């Protein structure tokens, strides 16, 4: 079931604060912002930033592009290893 419209998109406050501080202080975009919230929505202000999203074991680097706006961080970071049989 989708989230109700009056609530708006979900985002963890810490992610929003880190991203706005990153843009405000003109920090280099090649440095990574570490986050744990895979269910947070990607906002347009995140375009061009590098995030490291925790997949349960390690941090996976993720560069935000325009096509990713509106999706969730967890959609781009796999949690299960692909099994390849010989």
N, C-alpha and C. Protein backbone atom coordinates (compact mmCIF):
# COMPACT_ATOMS: atom_id res chain seq x y z
N UNK A 1 0.84 -1.17 0.00
CA UNK A 1 0.00 0.00 0.00
C UNK A 1 0.89 1.24 0.00
N UNK A 2 0.50 2.25 -0.74
CA UNK A 2 1.29 3.47 -0.86
C UNK A 2 1.09 4.36 0.36
N UNK A 3 2.03 5.23 0.56
CA UNK A 3 1.96 6.19 1.66
C UNK A 3 0.95 7.27 1.29
N UNK A 4 0.17 7.74 2.27
CA UNK A 4 -0.86 8.74 1.98
C UNK A 4 -0.22 10.06 1.56
N UNK A 5 -0.92 10.77 0.69
CA UNK A 5 -0.39 12.00 0.11
C UNK A 5 -0.23 13.12 1.13
N UNK A 6 -1.08 13.20 2.13
CA UNK A 6 -0.98 14.28 3.08
C UNK A 6 0.25 14.17 3.97
N UNK A 7 0.82 12.96 4.09
CA UNK A 7 2.04 12.78 4.86
C UNK A 7 3.28 13.21 4.08
N UNK A 8 3.25 13.03 2.78
CA UNK A 8 4.41 13.36 1.96
C UNK A 8 5.41 12.21 1.94
N UNK A 9 6.48 12.35 1.19
CA UNK A 9 7.48 11.27 1.09
C UNK A 9 8.26 11.12 2.39
N UNK A 10 8.65 9.88 2.69
CA UNK A 10 9.41 9.61 3.91
C UNK A 10 10.89 9.87 3.67
N UNK A 11 11.50 10.56 4.61
CA UNK A 11 12.96 10.71 4.61
C UNK A 11 13.40 10.86 6.05
N UNK A 12 14.49 10.22 6.37
CA UNK A 12 15.03 10.34 7.71
C UNK A 12 15.65 11.72 7.86
N UNK A 13 15.38 12.38 8.97
CA UNK A 13 15.84 13.76 9.17
C UNK A 13 17.35 13.90 9.09
N UNK A 14 18.08 12.90 9.57
CA UNK A 14 19.54 12.95 9.57
C UNK A 14 20.09 13.03 8.14
N UNK A 15 19.48 12.31 7.22
CA UNK A 15 19.94 12.32 5.82
C UNK A 15 19.72 13.71 5.22
N UNK A 16 18.58 14.29 5.48
CA UNK A 16 18.27 15.61 4.95
C UNK A 16 19.22 16.66 5.51
N UNK A 17 19.53 16.58 6.80
CA UNK A 17 20.46 17.52 7.41
C UNK A 17 21.86 17.38 6.83
N UNK A 18 22.32 16.13 6.66
CA UNK A 18 23.66 15.90 6.12
C UNK A 18 23.77 16.44 4.69
N UNK A 19 22.75 16.19 3.87
CA UNK A 19 22.79 16.63 2.48
C UNK A 19 22.74 18.15 2.36
N UNK A 20 21.92 18.81 3.17
CA UNK A 20 21.85 20.27 3.09
C UNK A 20 23.15 20.90 3.59
N UNK A 21 23.74 20.35 4.65
CA UNK A 21 25.03 20.86 5.12
C UNK A 21 26.12 20.65 4.09
N UNK A 22 26.06 19.53 3.38
CA UNK A 22 27.05 19.21 2.36
C UNK A 22 26.99 20.24 1.24
N UNK A 23 25.78 20.57 0.80
CA UNK A 23 25.62 21.54 -0.29
C UNK A 23 25.94 22.97 0.19
N UNK A 24 25.54 23.29 1.43
CA UNK A 24 25.73 24.64 1.96
C UNK A 24 27.22 24.95 2.15
N UNK A 25 27.98 23.98 2.64
CA UNK A 25 29.40 24.19 2.91
C UNK A 25 30.30 23.92 1.71
N UNK A 26 29.70 23.60 0.57
CA UNK A 26 30.45 23.33 -0.67
C UNK A 26 31.53 22.27 -0.46
N UNK A 27 31.17 21.20 0.22
CA UNK A 27 32.11 20.10 0.40
C UNK A 27 32.26 19.34 -0.91
N UNK A 28 33.41 18.70 -1.15
CA UNK A 28 33.61 18.00 -2.43
C UNK A 28 32.61 16.86 -2.61
N UNK A 29 32.16 16.69 -3.86
CA UNK A 29 31.13 15.68 -4.14
C UNK A 29 31.69 14.27 -4.18
N UNK A 30 33.02 14.12 -4.24
CA UNK A 30 33.58 12.77 -4.30
C UNK A 30 33.61 12.10 -2.93
N UNK A 31 33.46 12.87 -1.86
CA UNK A 31 33.39 12.28 -0.53
C UNK A 31 32.01 11.65 -0.34
N UNK A 32 31.93 10.64 0.52
CA UNK A 32 30.70 9.87 0.66
C UNK A 32 29.96 10.19 1.95
N UNK A 33 28.63 10.23 1.85
CA UNK A 33 27.77 10.40 3.02
C UNK A 33 27.24 9.02 3.38
N UNK A 34 27.53 8.55 4.59
CA UNK A 34 27.09 7.22 5.00
C UNK A 34 25.68 7.28 5.58
N UNK A 35 24.80 6.39 5.08
CA UNK A 35 23.43 6.33 5.59
C UNK A 35 23.02 4.89 5.82
N UNK A 36 22.04 4.69 6.68
CA UNK A 36 21.53 3.36 6.99
C UNK A 36 20.09 3.20 6.54
N UNK A 37 19.40 4.28 6.31
CA UNK A 37 17.98 4.25 5.99
C UNK A 37 17.77 3.95 4.51
N UNK A 38 17.45 2.69 4.22
CA UNK A 38 17.21 2.28 2.83
C UNK A 38 15.81 2.66 2.36
N UNK A 39 14.90 2.95 3.28
CA UNK A 39 13.52 3.25 2.90
C UNK A 39 13.25 4.74 2.73
N UNK A 40 14.28 5.56 2.77
CA UNK A 40 14.12 7.00 2.55
C UNK A 40 14.07 7.29 1.05
N UNK A 41 13.27 8.29 0.69
CA UNK A 41 13.08 8.68 -0.71
C UNK A 41 14.19 9.62 -1.14
N UNK A 42 14.62 9.50 -2.38
CA UNK A 42 15.67 10.36 -2.94
C UNK A 42 15.02 11.67 -3.42
N UNK A 43 15.51 12.79 -2.91
CA UNK A 43 14.99 14.11 -3.26
C UNK A 43 15.82 14.72 -4.39
N UNK A 44 15.25 15.71 -5.11
CA UNK A 44 15.99 16.37 -6.19
C UNK A 44 17.25 17.10 -5.72
N UNK A 45 17.29 17.49 -4.46
CA UNK A 45 18.47 18.20 -3.95
C UNK A 45 19.67 17.26 -3.77
N UNK A 46 19.46 15.95 -3.86
CA UNK A 46 20.54 14.98 -3.69
C UNK A 46 21.30 14.69 -4.97
N UNK A 47 20.84 15.22 -6.11
CA UNK A 47 21.47 14.92 -7.40
C UNK A 47 22.92 15.38 -7.39
N UNK A 48 23.81 14.47 -7.75
CA UNK A 48 25.23 14.78 -7.81
C UNK A 48 25.98 14.41 -6.55
N UNK A 49 25.28 14.04 -5.48
CA UNK A 49 25.94 13.65 -4.24
C UNK A 49 26.25 12.15 -4.23
N UNK A 50 27.28 11.79 -3.51
CA UNK A 50 27.65 10.39 -3.35
C UNK A 50 27.23 9.92 -1.96
N UNK A 51 26.52 8.81 -1.92
CA UNK A 51 26.10 8.23 -0.66
C UNK A 51 26.70 6.84 -0.53
N UNK A 52 26.85 6.39 0.70
CA UNK A 52 27.19 5.00 0.98
C UNK A 52 26.01 4.43 1.75
N UNK A 53 25.32 3.47 1.15
CA UNK A 53 24.12 2.90 1.73
C UNK A 53 24.47 1.54 2.34
N UNK A 54 24.05 1.30 3.57
CA UNK A 54 24.35 0.06 4.27
C UNK A 54 23.39 -1.03 3.81
N UNK A 55 23.93 -2.17 3.37
CA UNK A 55 23.08 -3.25 2.88
C UNK A 55 22.95 -4.40 3.88
N UNK A 56 23.40 -4.21 5.11
CA UNK A 56 23.31 -5.24 6.12
C UNK A 56 24.66 -5.87 6.42
N UNK A 57 25.62 -5.66 5.53
CA UNK A 57 26.96 -6.21 5.72
C UNK A 57 28.03 -5.16 5.47
N UNK A 58 27.92 -4.47 4.36
CA UNK A 58 28.91 -3.46 3.97
C UNK A 58 28.18 -2.21 3.47
N UNK A 59 28.96 -1.17 3.23
CA UNK A 59 28.43 0.05 2.64
C UNK A 59 28.69 0.01 1.13
N UNK A 60 27.64 0.27 0.36
CA UNK A 60 27.73 0.24 -1.09
C UNK A 60 27.66 1.68 -1.60
N UNK A 61 28.67 2.12 -2.39
CA UNK A 61 28.64 3.50 -2.90
C UNK A 61 27.54 3.70 -3.94
N UNK A 62 26.93 4.87 -3.91
CA UNK A 62 25.81 5.17 -4.80
C UNK A 62 25.87 6.64 -5.20
N UNK A 63 25.99 6.92 -6.49
CA UNK A 63 25.97 8.28 -7.03
C UNK A 63 24.55 8.58 -7.47
N UNK A 64 23.98 9.65 -6.98
CA UNK A 64 22.59 9.99 -7.28
C UNK A 64 22.52 10.72 -8.62
N UNK A 65 21.62 10.24 -9.49
CA UNK A 65 21.39 10.84 -10.81
C UNK A 65 19.94 11.29 -10.90
N UNK A 66 19.61 12.04 -11.94
CA UNK A 66 18.25 12.58 -12.10
C UNK A 66 17.20 11.49 -12.21
N UNK A 67 17.53 10.38 -12.83
CA UNK A 67 16.55 9.30 -13.01
C UNK A 67 16.16 8.63 -11.70
N UNK A 68 16.95 8.81 -10.65
CA UNK A 68 16.71 8.16 -9.36
C UNK A 68 15.75 8.94 -8.47
N UNK A 69 15.38 10.15 -8.84
CA UNK A 69 14.52 10.99 -8.00
C UNK A 69 13.17 10.31 -7.81
N UNK A 70 12.71 10.26 -6.57
CA UNK A 70 11.42 9.65 -6.24
C UNK A 70 11.52 8.19 -5.86
N UNK A 71 12.63 7.55 -6.15
CA UNK A 71 12.83 6.15 -5.77
C UNK A 71 13.42 6.12 -4.36
N UNK A 72 13.58 4.92 -3.84
CA UNK A 72 14.16 4.77 -2.50
C UNK A 72 15.60 4.30 -2.62
N UNK A 73 16.40 4.60 -1.61
CA UNK A 73 17.80 4.22 -1.62
C UNK A 73 17.97 2.71 -1.72
N UNK A 74 17.10 1.96 -1.10
CA UNK A 74 17.21 0.50 -1.07
C UNK A 74 17.00 -0.16 -2.41
N UNK A 75 16.38 0.52 -3.36
CA UNK A 75 16.15 -0.06 -4.68
C UNK A 75 17.44 -0.23 -5.47
N UNK A 76 18.45 0.52 -5.14
CA UNK A 76 19.69 0.50 -5.90
C UNK A 76 20.82 -0.27 -5.21
N UNK A 77 20.54 -0.78 -4.01
CA UNK A 77 21.56 -1.51 -3.25
C UNK A 77 21.02 -2.90 -2.94
N UNK A 78 21.65 -3.91 -3.49
CA UNK A 78 21.19 -5.28 -3.29
C UNK A 78 21.63 -5.78 -1.92
N UNK A 79 20.76 -6.58 -1.30
CA UNK A 79 21.08 -7.14 0.02
C UNK A 79 21.44 -8.61 -0.06
N UNK A 80 21.08 -9.25 -1.15
CA UNK A 80 21.36 -10.66 -1.29
C UNK A 80 22.39 -10.90 -2.39
N UNK A 81 23.24 -11.86 -2.15
CA UNK A 81 24.28 -12.18 -3.11
C UNK A 81 23.71 -13.05 -4.22
N UNK A 82 24.06 -12.77 -5.45
CA UNK A 82 23.60 -13.56 -6.58
C UNK A 82 24.34 -14.89 -6.61
N UNK A 83 23.60 -15.98 -6.69
CA UNK A 83 24.19 -17.32 -6.70
C UNK A 83 24.49 -17.70 -8.15
N UNK A 84 25.75 -18.06 -8.40
CA UNK A 84 26.14 -18.50 -9.74
C UNK A 84 26.64 -19.93 -9.65
N UNK A 85 25.99 -20.83 -10.34
CA UNK A 85 26.40 -22.22 -10.35
C UNK A 85 27.35 -22.46 -11.52
N UNK A 86 28.29 -23.32 -11.30
CA UNK A 86 29.25 -23.61 -12.36
C UNK A 86 28.69 -24.53 -13.40
